């Protein structure tokens, strides 16, 4: 199986499906011991048997499906940059993936990480997004995407009280001064504007579609 390693960057999700999910973690370990995220997972498996090889493999595989839209060259570039990340960074990312119950969130985390590796997200933005996705459901993020398609400034009743609190707390929306009375279509207690951070997350979700 070691012969698969040099080209695993070409389609890591497919390779993981073949090597890990079908043959099992222990048998595939020699061929995967240098793959980002999996190398740490394998070390944990050998030292304390602390992971479920099937479930964690599914999550990591879903994470790598974020590369589906990349060209062959971009995949290789991202893979090389990913391999150079520090162990604490990879450990934290693996821990976050392991905690997710929704596989689609693992794919979204993969998209965010890919954008970070390609320089489309600055590190503070990336870290904010990782934390945000961890605390929100896919449904919550999809709600933000739908709202962004309506308008950048939205009345409270359109956003919904729960989402207003949720998105403002995460920095995805901010309170907006009410429109002058003559410009209002209808009365509203408060208005909200989607922030640049929120719009970037929406852009990530649109790539995920």
Protein backbone atom coordinates (compact mmCIF):
# COMPACT_ATOMS: atom_id res chain seq x y z
CA UNK A 1 0.00 0.00 0.00
CA UNK A 2 2.94 2.33 0.41
CA UNK A 3 2.97 2.92 -3.33
CA UNK A 4 -0.26 4.91 -2.95
CA UNK A 5 1.32 7.51 -0.66
CA UNK A 6 3.21 9.70 -3.18
CA UNK A 7 -0.01 10.47 -5.05
CA UNK A 8 -2.52 10.51 -2.20
CA UNK A 9 -2.73 14.30 -2.50
CA UNK A 10 -4.33 13.79 -5.93
CA UNK A 11 -7.58 12.55 -4.38
CA UNK A 12 -7.15 12.05 -0.63
CA UNK A 13 -10.85 11.38 0.01
CA UNK A 14 -10.90 8.49 -2.47
CA UNK A 15 -7.58 7.15 -1.23
CA UNK A 16 -8.76 7.20 2.36
CA UNK A 17 -11.91 5.38 1.37
CA UNK A 18 -9.87 2.65 -0.31
CA UNK A 19 -7.02 2.33 2.18
CA UNK A 20 -8.69 3.11 5.48
CA UNK A 21 -12.39 2.37 5.41
CA UNK A 22 -12.16 -0.89 3.49
CA UNK A 23 -8.92 -2.32 4.86
CA UNK A 24 -8.95 -0.89 8.39
CA UNK A 25 -6.70 1.57 10.17
CA UNK A 26 -4.06 -0.84 11.36
CA UNK A 27 -3.50 -2.48 7.97
CA UNK A 28 -3.41 0.87 6.18
CA UNK A 29 -1.27 2.61 8.78
CA UNK A 30 2.12 2.07 7.06
CA UNK A 31 0.91 3.76 3.89
CA UNK A 32 -0.83 6.62 5.68
CA UNK A 33 1.58 7.46 8.48
CA UNK A 34 2.68 10.73 6.82
CA UNK A 35 -0.73 12.00 5.75
CA UNK A 36 -1.80 15.20 7.58
CA UNK A 37 -4.33 14.48 10.34
CA UNK A 38 -4.10 10.71 9.78
CA UNK A 39 -0.53 10.51 11.07
CA UNK A 40 -1.68 11.85 14.43
CA UNK A 41 -4.76 9.63 14.42
CA UNK A 42 -2.61 6.57 13.78
CA UNK A 43 -0.22 7.52 16.59
CA UNK A 44 -3.16 7.83 18.97
CA UNK A 45 -4.54 4.50 17.80
CA UNK A 46 -1.23 2.72 18.39
CA UNK A 47 -0.55 4.30 21.77
CA UNK A 48 -3.93 4.04 23.48
CA UNK A 49 -6.56 2.86 21.03
CA UNK A 50 -8.35 6.13 21.72
CA UNK A 51 -10.19 6.54 18.42
CA UNK A 52 -12.84 4.77 16.45
CA UNK A 53 -11.00 4.10 13.22
CA UNK A 54 -14.13 3.91 11.09
CA UNK A 55 -15.92 7.03 12.37
CA UNK A 56 -12.84 9.22 12.52
CA UNK A 57 -11.78 8.01 9.08
CA UNK A 58 -15.19 8.99 7.70
CA UNK A 59 -14.80 12.47 9.19
CA UNK A 60 -11.29 12.94 7.83
CA UNK A 61 -12.40 11.60 4.46
CA UNK A 62 -15.27 14.10 4.38
CA UNK A 63 -12.80 16.86 5.33
CA UNK A 64 -10.71 16.03 2.26
CA UNK A 65 -13.71 16.06 -0.11
CA UNK A 66 -13.36 19.85 0.13
CA UNK A 67 -10.53 19.42 -2.40
CA UNK A 68 -12.87 18.05 -5.08
CA UNK A 69 -13.12 21.39 -6.86
CA UNK A 70 -9.35 22.00 -6.91
CA UNK A 71 -7.12 21.42 -9.92
CA UNK A 72 -4.40 18.77 -9.72
CA UNK A 73 -1.71 21.41 -9.17
CA UNK A 74 -3.73 23.23 -6.48
CA UNK A 75 -4.30 19.96 -4.62
CA UNK A 76 -0.61 19.25 -4.59
CA UNK A 77 0.22 22.79 -3.42
CA UNK A 78 -2.36 22.70 -0.63
CA UNK A 79 -1.23 19.24 0.42
CA UNK A 80 2.39 20.35 0.73
CA UNK A 81 1.41 23.41 2.77
CA UNK A 82 -0.81 21.26 4.96
CA UNK A 83 2.05 18.87 5.67
CA UNK A 84 4.18 21.78 6.91
CA UNK A 85 1.68 22.80 9.58
CA UNK A 86 2.73 22.37 13.20
CA UNK A 87 1.67 19.34 15.17
CA UNK A 88 -0.40 21.44 17.65
CA UNK A 89 -2.33 22.91 14.71
CA UNK A 90 -3.08 19.48 13.27
CA UNK A 91 -3.93 18.04 16.68
CA UNK A 92 -6.43 20.82 17.31
CA UNK A 93 -8.01 20.36 13.89
CA UNK A 94 -8.22 16.60 14.35
CA UNK A 95 -9.80 17.08 17.79
CA UNK A 96 -12.40 19.43 16.29
CA UNK A 97 -13.21 16.95 13.52
CA UNK A 98 -13.56 14.14 16.01
CA UNK A 99 -16.15 16.16 17.97
CA UNK A 100 -18.42 16.78 14.98
CA UNK A 101 -21.63 14.79 14.62
CA UNK A 102 -22.48 16.17 11.18
CA UNK A 103 -20.23 15.01 8.34
CA UNK A 104 -21.19 18.07 6.29
CA UNK A 105 -19.57 20.24 8.94
CA UNK A 106 -16.37 18.24 8.40
CA UNK A 107 -16.49 19.13 4.71
CA UNK A 108 -17.06 22.80 5.56
CA UNK A 109 -14.08 22.69 7.93
CA UNK A 110 -12.09 21.24 5.03
CA UNK A 111 -13.15 24.11 2.76
CA UNK A 112 -12.19 26.71 5.37
CA UNK A 113 -8.82 25.05 5.91
CA UNK A 114 -8.20 24.89 2.16
CA UNK A 115 -9.00 28.58 1.78
CA UNK A 116 -6.61 29.33 4.63
CA UNK A 117 -3.84 27.28 3.00
CA UNK A 118 -4.40 29.14 -0.27
CA UNK A 119 -4.18 32.53 1.43
CA UNK A 120 -7.85 33.41 0.89
CA UNK A 121 -8.43 33.63 4.65
CA UNK A 122 -6.15 35.31 7.14
CA UNK A 123 -5.31 33.30 10.24
CA UNK A 124 -7.59 35.32 12.62
CA UNK A 125 -10.51 34.92 10.17
CA UNK A 126 -9.81 31.23 9.78
CA UNK A 127 -9.65 30.63 13.53
CA UNK A 128 -12.89 32.60 14.00
CA UNK A 129 -14.60 30.50 11.33
CA UNK A 130 -13.37 27.21 12.79
CA UNK A 131 -14.77 28.17 16.18
CA UNK A 132 -17.99 29.46 14.61
CA UNK A 133 -18.63 26.30 12.59
CA UNK A 134 -17.91 24.21 15.68
CA UNK A 135 -20.61 26.02 17.66
CA UNK A 136 -23.23 26.40 14.91
CA UNK A 137 -25.18 23.77 13.06
CA UNK A 138 -25.12 23.44 9.28
CA UNK A 139 -28.72 24.64 9.39
CA UNK A 140 -27.62 27.83 11.15
CA UNK A 141 -24.97 28.56 8.52
CA UNK A 142 -27.44 27.78 5.74
CA UNK A 143 -29.83 30.27 7.33
CA UNK A 144 -27.15 32.97 7.13
CA UNK A 145 -26.61 32.12 3.45
CA UNK A 146 -30.33 32.50 2.70
CA UNK A 147 -30.47 35.81 4.54
CA UNK A 148 -27.45 37.13 2.61
CA UNK A 149 -29.27 36.45 -0.66
CA UNK A 150 -32.17 38.63 0.47
CA UNK A 151 -30.24 41.72 1.53
CA UNK A 152 -27.22 42.93 3.48
CA UNK A 153 -29.48 44.86 5.87
CA UNK A 154 -32.39 42.97 7.36
CA UNK A 155 -35.20 43.73 9.79
CA UNK A 156 -35.25 41.79 13.04
CA UNK A 157 -38.41 39.88 12.16
CA UNK A 158 -36.78 38.68 8.93
CA UNK A 159 -33.64 37.49 10.72
CA UNK A 160 -35.47 36.07 13.72
CA UNK A 161 -34.64 36.87 17.32
CA UNK A 162 -32.67 33.64 17.92
CA UNK A 163 -30.55 34.05 14.80
CA UNK A 164 -29.99 37.74 15.48
CA UNK A 165 -28.46 36.94 18.87
CA UNK A 166 -26.54 33.97 17.48
CA UNK A 167 -25.04 35.79 14.50
CA UNK A 168 -24.25 39.02 16.33
CA UNK A 169 -22.50 37.04 19.08
CA UNK A 170 -20.35 35.28 16.47
CA UNK A 171 -19.52 38.53 14.65
CA UNK A 172 -21.43 37.49 11.52
CA UNK A 173 -23.94 40.31 11.89
CA UNK A 174 -23.96 43.70 13.56
CA UNK A 175 -26.78 45.97 14.64
CA UNK A 176 -27.68 48.66 12.15
CA UNK A 177 -29.34 52.04 12.72
CA UNK A 178 -32.99 51.99 11.63
CA UNK A 179 -33.75 53.54 8.26
CA UNK A 180 -35.28 57.02 8.24
CA UNK A 181 -39.02 56.78 8.72
CA UNK A 182 -39.76 57.88 5.15
CA UNK A 183 -37.63 54.99 3.78
CA UNK A 184 -39.19 52.25 5.86
CA UNK A 185 -41.46 49.79 4.17
CA UNK A 186 -42.77 48.71 7.56
CA UNK A 187 -42.05 49.32 11.20
CA UNK A 188 -39.24 47.27 12.76
CA UNK A 189 -37.66 47.38 16.20
CA UNK A 190 -34.15 46.70 14.96
CA UNK A 191 -32.12 46.11 11.82
CA UNK A 192 -29.02 43.99 11.26
CA UNK A 193 -26.21 44.14 8.73
CA UNK A 194 -24.25 41.08 7.62
CA UNK A 195 -20.58 41.77 8.36
CA UNK A 196 -17.66 41.19 5.97
CA UNK A 197 -16.81 38.15 8.12
CA UNK A 198 -20.34 36.84 7.63
CA UNK A 199 -20.15 37.37 3.88
CA UNK A 200 -16.89 35.42 3.72
CA UNK A 201 -18.53 32.52 5.53
CA UNK A 202 -21.40 32.68 3.04
CA UNK A 203 -18.86 32.52 0.20
CA UNK A 204 -17.40 29.39 1.78
CA UNK A 205 -20.86 27.83 1.98
CA UNK A 206 -21.47 28.60 -1.69
CA UNK A 207 -18.25 26.75 -2.58
CA UNK A 208 -19.54 23.83 -0.51
CA UNK A 209 -22.75 23.59 -2.56
